[in-house]
């Protein structure tokens, strides 16, 4: 059986930072190489997880997260990509209806 992870991929987009926060985050990342770890948010600003179709890069899911939500949301989305079929994943997120993907509860 084909898994959603075979058809879709997950990526993390760090939240845009401005001014002094951007400079501080850039220095911190350079010193610690923190951004070499996918999904890491060393600056603490949070960001967005995006699930896209591999074939044509169309977006299925976009979930905004705070810094504190990053690990739990990533684990939830990775679990769905592993456990659900592509159709089940699409149905689960399209039935959400509000566009935020309720990443912490999600479909069961």
PDB file of N, CA and C in Angstrom:
ATOM      1  N   UNK A   1       0.841  -1.184   0.000  1.00  0.00           N
ATOM      2  CA  UNK A   1       0.000   0.000   0.000  1.00  0.00           C
ATOM      3  C   UNK A   1       0.890   1.253   0.000  1.00  0.00           C
ATOM      4  N   UNK A   2       0.550   2.195  -0.850  1.00  0.00           N
ATOM      5  CA  UNK A   2       1.313   3.436  -0.942  1.00  0.00           C
ATOM      6  C   UNK A   2       1.031   4.309   0.285  1.00  0.00           C
ATOM      7  N   UNK A   3       2.070   4.876   0.838  1.00  0.00           N
ATOM      8  CA  UNK A   3       1.964   5.753   2.008  1.00  0.00           C
ATOM      9  C   UNK A   3       1.976   7.210   1.562  1.00  0.00           C
ATOM     10  N   UNK A   4       1.382   8.069   2.349  1.00  0.00           N
ATOM     11  CA  UNK A   4       1.335   9.499   2.039  1.00  0.00           C
ATOM     12  C   UNK A   4       2.741  10.075   1.879  1.00  0.00           C
ATOM     13  N   UNK A   5       3.689   9.562   2.643  1.00  0.00           N
ATOM     14  CA  UNK A   5       5.070  10.038   2.556  1.00  0.00           C
ATOM     15  C   UNK A   5       5.730   9.724   1.222  1.00  0.00           C
ATOM     16  N   UNK A   6       5.174   8.778   0.469  1.00  0.00           N
ATOM     17  CA  UNK A   6       5.698   8.483  -0.862  1.00  0.00           C
ATOM     18  C   UNK A   6       5.259   9.536  -1.876  1.00  0.00           C
ATOM     19  N   UNK A   7       4.160  10.209  -1.595  1.00  0.00           N
ATOM     20  CA  UNK A   7       3.564  11.176  -2.520  1.00  0.00           C
ATOM     21  C   UNK A   7       3.791  12.619  -2.065  1.00  0.00           C
ATOM     22  N   UNK A   8       3.845  12.826  -0.751  1.00  0.00           N
ATOM     23  CA  UNK A   8       3.971  14.167  -0.188  1.00  0.00           C
ATOM     24  C   UNK A   8       5.272  14.311   0.577  1.00  0.00           C
ATOM     25  N   UNK A   9       5.749  15.556   0.697  1.00  0.00           N
ATOM     26  CA  UNK A   9       6.918  15.817   1.524  1.00  0.00           C
ATOM     27  C   UNK A   9       6.632  16.951   2.491  1.00  0.00           C
ATOM     28  N   UNK A  10       7.355  16.952   3.595  1.00  0.00           N
ATOM     29  CA  UNK A  10       7.180  17.920   4.663  1.00  0.00           C
ATOM     30  C   UNK A  10       8.391  18.833   4.712  1.00  0.00           C
ATOM     31  N   UNK A  11       8.148  20.145   4.839  1.00  0.00           N
ATOM     32  CA  UNK A  11       9.261  21.076   5.034  1.00  0.00           C
ATOM     33  C   UNK A  11       8.869  22.124   6.066  1.00  0.00           C
ATOM     34  N   UNK A  12       9.873  22.724   6.666  1.00  0.00           N
ATOM     35  CA  UNK A  12       9.671  23.765   7.676  1.00  0.00           C
ATOM     36  C   UNK A  12      10.148  25.093   7.121  1.00  0.00           C
ATOM     37  N   UNK A  13       9.311  26.118   7.242  1.00  0.00           N
ATOM     38  CA  UNK A  13       9.668  27.471   6.834  1.00  0.00           C
ATOM     39  C   UNK A  13       9.744  28.325   8.096  1.00  0.00           C
ATOM     40  N   UNK A  14      10.950  28.739   8.508  1.00  0.00           N
ATOM     41  CA  UNK A  14      11.053  29.581   9.703  1.00  0.00           C
ATOM     42  C   UNK A  14      10.298  30.888   9.513  1.00  0.00           C
ATOM     43  N   UNK A  15       9.761  31.400  10.601  1.00  0.00           N
ATOM     44  CA  UNK A  15       9.041  32.676  10.559  1.00  0.00           C
ATOM     45  C   UNK A  15      10.030  33.786  10.231  1.00  0.00           C
ATOM     46  N   UNK A  16       9.594  34.708   9.421  1.00  0.00           N
ATOM     47  CA  UNK A  16      10.409  35.848   9.021  1.00  0.00           C
ATOM     48  C   UNK A  16      10.714  36.711  10.244  1.00  0.00           C
ATOM     49  N   UNK A  17      11.952  37.090  10.387  1.00  0.00           N
ATOM     50  CA  UNK A  17      12.365  37.954  11.498  1.00  0.00           C
ATOM     51  C   UNK A  17      12.869  39.266  10.927  1.00  0.00           C
ATOM     52  N   UNK A  18      12.782  40.307  11.696  1.00  0.00           N
ATOM     53  CA  UNK A  18      13.196  41.630  11.224  1.00  0.00           C
ATOM     54  C   UNK A  18      14.163  42.277  12.223  1.00  0.00           C
ATOM     55  N   UNK A  19      14.959  43.181  11.719  1.00  0.00           N
ATOM     56  CA  UNK A  19      15.803  44.039  12.539  1.00  0.00           C
ATOM     57  C   UNK A  19      16.784  43.302  13.423  1.00  0.00           C
ATOM     58  N   UNK A  20      16.855  43.735  14.668  1.00  0.00           N
ATOM     59  CA  UNK A  20      17.805  43.206  15.636  1.00  0.00           C
ATOM     60  C   UNK A  20      17.591  41.718  15.893  1.00  0.00           C
ATOM     61  N   UNK A  21      16.319  41.270  15.907  1.00  0.00           N
ATOM     62  CA  UNK A  21      16.046  39.837  16.108  1.00  0.00           C
ATOM     63  C   UNK A  21      16.655  39.011  14.984  1.00  0.00           C
ATOM     64  N   UNK A  22      16.586  39.531  13.760  1.00  0.00           N
ATOM     65  CA  UNK A  22      17.168  38.840  12.621  1.00  0.00           C
ATOM     66  C   UNK A  22      18.682  38.753  12.766  1.00  0.00           C
ATOM     67  N   UNK A  23      19.321  39.849  13.143  1.00  0.00           N
ATOM     68  CA  UNK A  23      20.765  39.858  13.332  1.00  0.00           C
ATOM     69  C   UNK A  23      21.173  38.879  14.434  1.00  0.00           C
ATOM     70  N   UNK A  24      20.481  38.915  15.561  1.00  0.00           N
ATOM     71  CA  UNK A  24      20.806  38.012  16.668  1.00  0.00           C
ATOM     72  C   UNK A  24      20.616  36.555  16.258  1.00  0.00           C
ATOM     73  N   UNK A  25      19.538  36.251  15.557  1.00  0.00           N
ATOM     74  CA  UNK A  25      19.287  34.875  15.117  1.00  0.00           C
ATOM     75  C   UNK A  25      20.337  34.425  14.119  1.00  0.00           C
ATOM     76  N   UNK A  26      20.738  35.307  13.222  1.00  0.00           N
ATOM     77  CA  UNK A  26      21.754  34.967  12.224  1.00  0.00           C
ATOM     78  C   UNK A  26      23.084  34.655  12.893  1.00  0.00           C
ATOM     79  N   UNK A  27      23.471  35.472  13.859  1.00  0.00           N
ATOM     80  CA  UNK A  27      24.727  35.236  14.587  1.00  0.00           C
ATOM     81  C   UNK A  27      24.652  33.917  15.351  1.00  0.00           C
ATOM     82  N   UNK A  28      23.533  33.685  16.048  1.00  0.00           N
ATOM     83  CA  UNK A  28      23.356  32.441  16.808  1.00  0.00           C
ATOM     84  C   UNK A  28      23.444  31.228  15.891  1.00  0.00           C
ATOM     85  N   UNK A  29      22.790  31.290  14.745  1.00  0.00           N
ATOM     86  CA  UNK A  29      22.801  30.180  13.805  1.00  0.00           C
ATOM     87  C   UNK A  29      24.194  29.938  13.248  1.00  0.00           C
ATOM     88  N   UNK A  30      24.921  31.007  12.970  1.00  0.00           N
ATOM     89  CA  UNK A  30      26.279  30.865  12.442  1.00  0.00           C
ATOM     90  C   UNK A  30      27.203  30.230  13.476  1.00  0.00           C
ATOM     91  N   UNK A  31      27.055  30.643  14.717  1.00  0.00           N
ATOM     92  CA  UNK A  31      27.915  30.119  15.781  1.00  0.00           C
ATOM     93  C   UNK A  31      27.593  28.659  16.094  1.00  0.00           C
ATOM     94  N   UNK A  32      26.326  28.310  16.129  1.00  0.00           N
ATOM     95  CA  UNK A  32      25.926  26.964  16.554  1.00  0.00           C
ATOM     96  C   UNK A  32      25.639  26.012  15.408  1.00  0.00           C
ATOM     97  N   UNK A  33      25.586  26.532  14.174  1.00  0.00           N
ATOM     98  CA  UNK A  33      25.187  25.727  13.014  1.00  0.00           C
ATOM     99  C   UNK A  33      23.811  25.110  13.231  1.00  0.00           C
ATOM    100  N   UNK A  34      22.976  25.815  13.981  1.00  0.00           N
ATOM    101  CA  UNK A  34      21.668  25.289  14.368  1.00  0.00           C
ATOM    102  C   UNK A  34      20.761  25.004  13.182  1.00  0.00           C
ATOM    103  N   UNK A  35      20.885  25.760  12.115  1.00  0.00           N
ATOM    104  CA  UNK A  35      19.990  25.559  10.984  1.00  0.00           C
ATOM    105  C   UNK A  35      20.398  24.386  10.092  1.00  0.00           C
ATOM    106  N   UNK A  36      21.463  23.671  10.462  1.00  0.00           N
ATOM    107  CA  UNK A  36      21.820  22.491   9.682  1.00  0.00           C
ATOM    108  C   UNK A  36      20.913  21.319  10.012  1.00  0.00           C
ATOM    109  N   UNK A  37      20.132  21.436  11.077  1.00  0.00           N
ATOM    110  CA  UNK A  37      19.183  20.399  11.464  1.00  0.00           C
ATOM    111  C   UNK A  37      17.822  20.762  10.892  1.00  0.00           C
ATOM    112  N   UNK A  38      17.262  19.939   9.991  1.00  0.00           N
ATOM    113  CA  UNK A  38      15.965  20.274   9.409  1.00  0.00           C
ATOM    114  C   UNK A  38      14.891  20.425  10.482  1.00  0.00           C
ATOM    115  N   UNK A  39      14.089  21.476  10.352  1.00  0.00           N
ATOM    116  CA  UNK A  39      13.008  21.696  11.307  1.00  0.00           C
ATOM    117  C   UNK A  39      13.443  22.380  12.582  1.00  0.00           C
ATOM    118  N   UNK A  40      14.719  22.745  12.687  1.00  0.00           N
ATOM    119  CA  UNK A  40      15.185  23.428  13.881  1.00  0.00           C
ATOM    120  C   UNK A  40      14.862  24.911  13.778  1.00  0.00           C
ATOM    121  N   UNK A  41      14.526  25.509  14.894  1.00  0.00           N
ATOM    122  CA  UNK A  41      14.182  26.917  14.936  1.00  0.00           C
ATOM    123  C   UNK A  41      14.979  27.557  16.060  1.00  0.00           C
ATOM    124  N   UNK A  42      16.263  27.758  15.827  1.00  0.00           N
ATOM    125  CA  UNK A  42      17.156  28.247  16.863  1.00  0.00           C
ATOM    126  C   UNK A  42      16.792  29.647  17.340  1.00  0.00           C
ATOM    127  N   UNK A  43      16.168  30.443  16.492  1.00  0.00           N
ATOM    128  CA  UNK A  43      15.822  31.807  16.860  1.00  0.00           C
ATOM    129  C   UNK A  43      14.595  31.918  17.725  1.00  0.00           C
ATOM    130  N   UNK A  44      13.802  30.854  17.840  1.00  0.00           N
ATOM    131  CA  UNK A  44      12.637  30.869  18.704  1.00  0.00           C
ATOM    132  C   UNK A  44      11.440  31.613  18.151  1.00  0.00           C
ATOM    133  N   UNK A  45      11.410  31.851  16.848  1.00  0.00           N
ATOM    134  CA  UNK A  45      10.313  32.625  16.280  1.00  0.00           C
ATOM    135  C   UNK A  45       9.171  31.752  15.773  1.00  0.00           C
ATOM    136  N   UNK A  46       9.375  30.447  15.712  1.00  0.00           N
ATOM    137  CA  UNK A  46       8.351  29.580  15.148  1.00  0.00           C
ATOM    138  C   UNK A  46       8.413  29.591  13.639  1.00  0.00           C
ATOM    139  N   UNK A  47       7.344  29.155  13.019  1.00  0.00           N
ATOM    140  CA  UNK A  47       7.326  29.106  11.567  1.00  0.00           C
ATOM    141  C   UNK A  47       6.113  28.362  11.065  1.00  0.00           C
ATOM    142  N   UNK A  48       6.286  27.723   9.912  1.00  0.00           N
ATOM    143  CA  UNK A  48       5.189  27.030   9.261  1.00  0.00           C
ATOM    144  C   UNK A  48       5.664  25.700   8.718  1.00  0.00           C
ATOM    145  N   UNK A  49       4.902  24.640   8.997  1.00  0.00           N
ATOM    146  CA  UNK A  49       5.142  23.356   8.340  1.00  0.00           C
ATOM    147  C   UNK A  49       4.265  23.313   7.102  1.00  0.00           C
ATOM    148  N   UNK A  50       4.845  22.856   5.995  1.00  0.00           N
ATOM    149  CA  UNK A  50       4.128  22.788   4.732  1.00  0.00           C
ATOM    150  C   UNK A  50       4.275  21.375   4.172  1.00  0.00           C
ATOM    151  N   UNK A  51       3.152  20.771   3.806  1.00  0.00           N
ATOM    152  CA  UNK A  51       3.156  19.463   3.147  1.00  0.00           C
ATOM    153  C   UNK A  51       2.783  19.718   1.692  1.00  0.00           C
ATOM    154  N   UNK A  52       3.668  19.293   0.773  1.00  0.00           N
ATOM    155  CA  UNK A  52       3.435  19.501  -0.651  1.00  0.00           C
ATOM    156  C   UNK A  52       3.503  18.173  -1.400  1.00  0.00           C
ATOM    157  N   UNK A  53       2.797  18.125  -2.517  1.00  0.00           N
ATOM    158  CA  UNK A  53       2.838  16.956  -3.398  1.00  0.00           C
ATOM    159  C   UNK A  53       4.186  16.961  -4.118  1.00  0.00           C
ATOM    160  N   UNK A  54       4.903  15.859  -4.065  1.00  0.00           N
ATOM    161  CA  UNK A  54       6.225  15.767  -4.681  1.00  0.00           C
ATOM    162  C   UNK A  54       6.183  16.018  -6.191  1.00  0.00           C
ATOM    163  N   UNK A  55       5.174  15.506  -6.861  1.00  0.00           N
ATOM    164  CA  UNK A  55       5.112  15.547  -8.320  1.00  0.00           C
ATOM    165  C   UNK A  55       4.990  16.962  -8.870  1.00  0.00           C
ATOM    166  N   UNK A  56       4.161  17.806  -8.231  1.00  0.00           N
ATOM    167  CA  UNK A  56       3.922  19.127  -8.807  1.00  0.00           C
ATOM    168  C   UNK A  56       4.044  20.274  -7.803  1.00  0.00           C
ATOM    169  N   UNK A  57       4.469  19.968  -6.587  1.00  0.00           N
ATOM    170  CA  UNK A  57       4.708  20.957  -5.527  1.00  0.00           C
ATOM    171  C   UNK A  57       3.450  21.683  -5.056  1.00  0.00           C
ATOM    172  N   UNK A  58       2.265  21.133  -5.346  1.00  0.00           N
ATOM    173  CA  UNK A  58       1.054  21.773  -4.837  1.00  0.00           C
ATOM    174  C   UNK A  58       0.967  21.556  -3.332  1.00  0.00           C
ATOM    175  N   UNK A  59       0.464  22.564  -2.648  1.00  0.00           N
ATOM    176  CA  UNK A  59       0.356  22.527  -1.192  1.00  0.00           C
ATOM    177  C   UNK A  59      -0.897  21.805  -0.753  1.00  0.00           C
ATOM    178  N   UNK A  60      -0.727  20.913   0.215  1.00  0.00           N
ATOM    179  CA  UNK A  60      -1.872  20.243   0.822  1.00  0.00           C
ATOM    180  C   UNK A  60      -2.149  20.829   2.207  1.00  0.00           C
ATOM    181  N   UNK A  61      -1.087  21.022   2.984  1.00  0.00           N
ATOM    182  CA  UNK A  61      -1.213  21.452   4.372  1.00  0.00           C
ATOM    183  C   UNK A  61      -0.230  22.573   4.649  1.00  0.00           C
ATOM    184  N   UNK A  62      -0.701  23.578   5.378  1.00  0.00           N
ATOM    185  CA  UNK A  62       0.161  24.669   5.854  1.00  0.00           C
ATOM    186  C   UNK A  62      -0.239  24.907   7.299  1.00  0.00           C
ATOM    187  N   UNK A  63       0.674  24.648   8.240  1.00  0.00           N
ATOM    188  CA  UNK A  63       0.372  24.759   9.661  1.00  0.00           C
ATOM    189  C   UNK A  63       1.352  25.724  10.320  1.00  0.00           C
ATOM    190  N   UNK A  64       0.850  26.844  10.815  1.00  0.00           N
ATOM    191  CA  UNK A  64       1.680  27.798  11.549  1.00  0.00           C
ATOM    192  C   UNK A  64       1.907  27.270  12.957  1.00  0.00           C
ATOM    193  N   UNK A  65       3.154  27.373  13.431  1.00  0.00           N
ATOM    194  CA  UNK A  65       3.491  26.882  14.770  1.00  0.00           C
ATOM    195  C   UNK A  65       4.344  27.904  15.510  1.00  0.00           C
ATOM    196  N   UNK A  66       4.192  27.899  16.821  1.00  0.00           N
ATOM    197  CA  UNK A  66       5.094  28.675  17.665  1.00  0.00           C
ATOM    198  C   UNK A  66       6.332  27.817  17.913  1.00  0.00           C
ATOM    199  N   UNK A  67       7.344  28.420  18.482  1.00  0.00           N
ATOM    200  CA  UNK A  67       8.578  27.683  18.780  1.00  0.00           C
ATOM    201  C   UNK A  67       8.284  26.447  19.635  1.00  0.00           C
ATOM    202  N   UNK A  68       7.381  26.595  20.599  1.00  0.00           N
ATOM    203  CA  UNK A  68       7.071  25.497  21.509  1.00  0.00           C
ATOM    204  C   UNK A  68       6.317  24.354  20.825  1.00  0.00           C
ATOM    205  N   UNK A  69       5.657  24.624  19.719  1.00  0.00           N
ATOM    206  CA  UNK A  69       4.848  23.614  19.030  1.00  0.00           C
ATOM    207  C   UNK A  69       5.609  22.846  17.947  1.00  0.00           C
ATOM    208  N   UNK A  70       6.817  23.258  17.655  1.00  0.00           N
ATOM    209  CA  UNK A  70       7.552  22.696  16.518  1.00  0.00           C
ATOM    210  C   UNK A  70       7.696  21.181  16.606  1.00  0.00           C
ATOM    211  N   UNK A  71       8.202  20.663  17.694  1.00  0.00           N
ATOM    212  CA  UNK A  71       8.481  19.223  17.803  1.00  0.00           C
ATOM    213  C   UNK A  71       7.202  18.392  17.734  1.00  0.00           C
ATOM    214  N   UNK A  72       6.181  18.793  18.476  1.00  0.00           N
ATOM    215  CA  UNK A  72       4.933  18.018  18.499  1.00  0.00           C
ATOM    216  C   UNK A  72       4.252  18.025  17.133  1.00  0.00           C
ATOM    217  N   UNK A  73       4.261  19.170  16.483  1.00  0.00           N
ATOM    218  CA  UNK A  73       3.618  19.270  15.171  1.00  0.00           C
ATOM    219  C   UNK A  73       4.367  18.444  14.144  1.00  0.00           C
ATOM    220  N   UNK A  74       5.688  18.516  14.169  1.00  0.00           N
ATOM    221  CA  UNK A  74       6.490  17.730  13.228  1.00  0.00           C
ATOM    222  C   UNK A  74       6.230  16.235  13.432  1.00  0.00           C
ATOM    223  N   UNK A  75       6.215  15.795  14.680  1.00  0.00           N
ATOM    224  CA  UNK A  75       5.974  14.376  14.972  1.00  0.00           C
ATOM    225  C   UNK A  75       4.593  13.954  14.467  1.00  0.00           C
ATOM    226  N   UNK A  76       3.602  14.809  14.668  1.00  0.00           N
ATOM    227  CA  UNK A  76       2.240  14.504  14.230  1.00  0.00           C
ATOM    228  C   UNK A  76       2.176  14.375  12.707  1.00  0.00           C
ATOM    229  N   UNK A  77       2.745  15.344  12.004  1.00  0.00           N
ATOM    230  CA  UNK A  77       2.712  15.310  10.541  1.00  0.00           C
ATOM    231  C   UNK A  77       3.517  14.139   9.987  1.00  0.00           C
ATOM    232  N   UNK A  78       4.682  13.859  10.569  1.00  0.00           N
ATOM    233  CA  UNK A  78       5.485  12.718  10.114  1.00  0.00           C
ATOM    234  C   UNK A  78       4.746  11.405  10.340  1.00  0.00           C
ATOM    235  N   UNK A  79       4.043  11.303  11.466  1.00  0.00           N
ATOM    236  CA  UNK A  79       3.270  10.091  11.749  1.00  0.00           C
ATOM    237  C   UNK A  79       2.165   9.914  10.697  1.00  0.00           C
ATOM    238  N   UNK A  80       1.486  11.000  10.355  1.00  0.00           N
ATOM    239  CA  UNK A  80       0.444  10.916   9.329  1.00  0.00           C
ATOM    240  C   UNK A  80       1.027  10.515   7.974  1.00  0.00           C
ATOM    241  N   UNK A  81       2.179  11.059   7.624  1.00  0.00           N
ATOM    242  CA  UNK A  81       2.815  10.715   6.349  1.00  0.00           C
ATOM    243  C   UNK A  81       3.211   9.244   6.305  1.00  0.00           C
ATOM    244  N   UNK A  82       3.520   8.677   7.451  1.00  0.00           N
ATOM    245  CA  UNK A  82       3.920   7.276   7.535  1.00  0.00           C
ATOM    246  C   UNK A  82       2.731   6.328   7.594  1.00  0.00           C
ATOM    247  N   UNK A  83       1.702   6.713   8.328  1.00  0.00           N
ATOM    248  CA  UNK A  83       0.595   5.800   8.610  1.00  0.00           C
ATOM    249  C   UNK A  83      -0.568   5.877   7.629  1.00  0.00           C
ATOM    250  N   UNK A  84      -0.776   7.023   6.996  1.00  0.00           N
ATOM    251  CA  UNK A  84      -1.938   7.194   6.130  1.00  0.00           C
ATOM    252  C   UNK A  84      -1.582   7.003   4.658  1.00  0.00           C
ATOM    253  N   UNK A  85      -2.577   6.630   3.879  1.00  0.00           N
ATOM    254  CA  UNK A  85      -2.406   6.594   2.427  1.00  0.00           C
ATOM    255  C   UNK A  85      -2.520   8.036   1.923  1.00  0.00           C
ATOM    256  N   UNK A  86      -2.087   8.308   0.687  1.00  0.00           N
ATOM    257  CA  UNK A  86      -2.232   9.668   0.161  1.00  0.00           C
ATOM    258  C   UNK A  86      -3.678  10.152   0.192  1.00  0.00           C
ATOM    259  N   UNK A  87      -4.630   9.304  -0.182  1.00  0.00           N
ATOM    260  CA  UNK A  87      -6.037   9.690  -0.170  1.00  0.00           C
ATOM    261  C   UNK A  87      -6.549   9.979   1.230  1.00  0.00           C
ATOM    262  N   UNK A  88      -6.114   9.175   2.201  1.00  0.00           N
ATOM    263  CA  UNK A  88      -6.537   9.393   3.591  1.00  0.00           C
ATOM    264  C   UNK A  88      -6.001  10.724   4.122  1.00  0.00           C
ATOM    265  N   UNK A  89      -4.749  11.029   3.791  1.00  0.00           N
ATOM    266  CA  UNK A  89      -4.163  12.291   4.240  1.00  0.00           C
ATOM    267  C   UNK A  89      -4.906  13.474   3.626  1.00  0.00           C
ATOM    268  N   UNK A  90      -5.163  13.405   2.325  1.00  0.00           N
ATOM    269  CA  UNK A  90      -5.900  14.486   1.658  1.00  0.00           C
ATOM    270  C   UNK A  90      -7.297  14.652   2.255  1.00  0.00           C
ATOM    271  N   UNK A  91      -7.979  13.552   2.483  1.00  0.00           N
ATOM    272  CA  UNK A  91      -9.327  13.608   3.044  1.00  0.00           C
ATOM    273  C   UNK A  91      -9.301  14.172   4.467  1.00  0.00           C
ATOM    274  N   UNK A  92      -8.325  13.758   5.248  1.00  0.00           N
ATOM    275  CA  UNK A  92      -8.234  14.212   6.632  1.00  0.00           C
ATOM    276  C   UNK A  92      -8.031  15.718   6.708  1.00  0.00           C
ATOM    277  N   UNK A  93      -7.170  16.263   5.884  1.00  0.00           N
ATOM    278  CA  UNK A  93      -6.883  17.690   5.948  1.00  0.00           C
ATOM    279  C   UNK A  93      -7.923  18.514   5.217  1.00  0.00           C
ATOM    280  N   UNK A  94      -8.524  17.982   4.174  1.00  0.00           N
ATOM    281  CA  UNK A  94      -9.547  18.765   3.480  1.00  0.00           C
ATOM    282  C   UNK A  94     -10.824  18.837   4.308  1.00  0.00           C
ATOM    283  N   UNK A  95     -11.079  17.859   5.160  1.00  0.00           N
ATOM    284  CA  UNK A  95     -12.274  17.886   6.004  1.00  0.00           C
ATOM    285  C   UNK A  95     -12.125  18.853   7.164  1.00  0.00           C
ATOM    286  N   UNK A  96     -10.888  19.312   7.416  1.00  0.00           N
ATOM    287  CA  UNK A  96     -10.650  20.259   8.499  1.00  0.00           C
ATOM    288  C   UNK A  96     -11.398  21.560   8.244  1.00  0.00           C
ATOM    289  N   UNK A  97     -11.413  21.993   6.986  1.00  0.00           N
ATOM    290  CA  UNK A  97     -12.240  23.113   6.579  1.00  0.00           C
ATOM    291  C   UNK A  97     -11.774  24.498   6.946  1.00  0.00           C
ATOM    292  N   UNK A  98     -11.014  24.666   8.039  1.00  0.00           N
ATOM    293  CA  UNK A  98     -10.642  26.025   8.428  1.00  0.00           C
ATOM    294  C   UNK A  98      -9.256  26.413   7.962  1.00  0.00           C
ATOM    295  N   UNK A  99      -8.537  25.494   7.318  1.00  0.00           N
ATOM    296  CA  UNK A  99      -7.259  25.832   6.724  1.00  0.00           C
ATOM    297  C   UNK A  99      -6.076  25.805   7.663  1.00  0.00           C
ATOM    298  N   UNK A 100      -6.306  25.666   8.980  1.00  0.00           N
ATOM    299  CA  UNK A 100      -5.149  25.657   9.868  1.00  0.00           C
ATOM    300  C   UNK A 100      -4.652  24.257  10.163  1.00  0.00           C
ATOM    301  N   UNK A 101      -5.383  23.258   9.764  1.00  0.00           N
ATOM    302  CA  UNK A 101      -4.906  21.887   9.868  1.00  0.00           C
ATOM    303  C   UNK A 101      -4.891  21.286  11.247  1.00  0.00           C
ATOM    304  N   UNK A 102      -5.336  21.979  12.268  1.00  0.00           N
ATOM    305  CA  UNK A 102      -5.369  21.476  13.648  1.00  0.00           C
ATOM    306  C   UNK A 102      -4.333  20.388  13.868  1.00  0.00           C
ATOM    307  N   UNK A 103      -3.087  20.750  13.740  1.00  0.00           N
ATOM    308  CA  UNK A 103      -1.977  19.803  13.699  1.00  0.00           C
ATOM    309  C   UNK A 103      -1.804  18.989  14.963  1.00  0.00           C
ATOM    310  N   UNK A 104      -2.306  19.454  16.085  1.00  0.00           N
ATOM    311  CA  UNK A 104      -2.059  18.713  17.320  1.00  0.00           C
ATOM    312  C   UNK A 104      -3.073  17.596  17.547  1.00  0.00           C
ATOM    313  N   UNK A 105      -4.287  17.794  17.136  1.00  0.00           N
ATOM    314  CA  UNK A 105      -5.263  16.728  17.275  1.00  0.00           C
ATOM    315  C   UNK A 105      -5.334  15.937  15.989  1.00  0.00           C
ATOM    316  N   UNK A 106      -5.544  16.641  14.901  1.00  0.00           N
ATOM    317  CA  UNK A 106      -5.550  16.009  13.595  1.00  0.00           C
ATOM    318  C   UNK A 106      -6.526  14.858  13.517  1.00  0.00           C
ATOM    319  N   UNK A 107      -6.651  14.283  12.361  1.00  0.00           N
ATOM    320  CA  UNK A 107      -7.544  13.146  12.182  1.00  0.00           C
ATOM    321  C   UNK A 107      -6.976  11.886  12.808  1.00  0.00           C
ATOM    322  N   UNK A 108      -7.821  11.037  13.275  1.00  0.00           N
ATOM    323  CA  UNK A 108      -7.376   9.778  13.895  1.00  0.00           C
ATOM    324  C   UNK A 108      -7.488   8.628  12.954  1.00  0.00           C
TER     325      UNK A 108
END
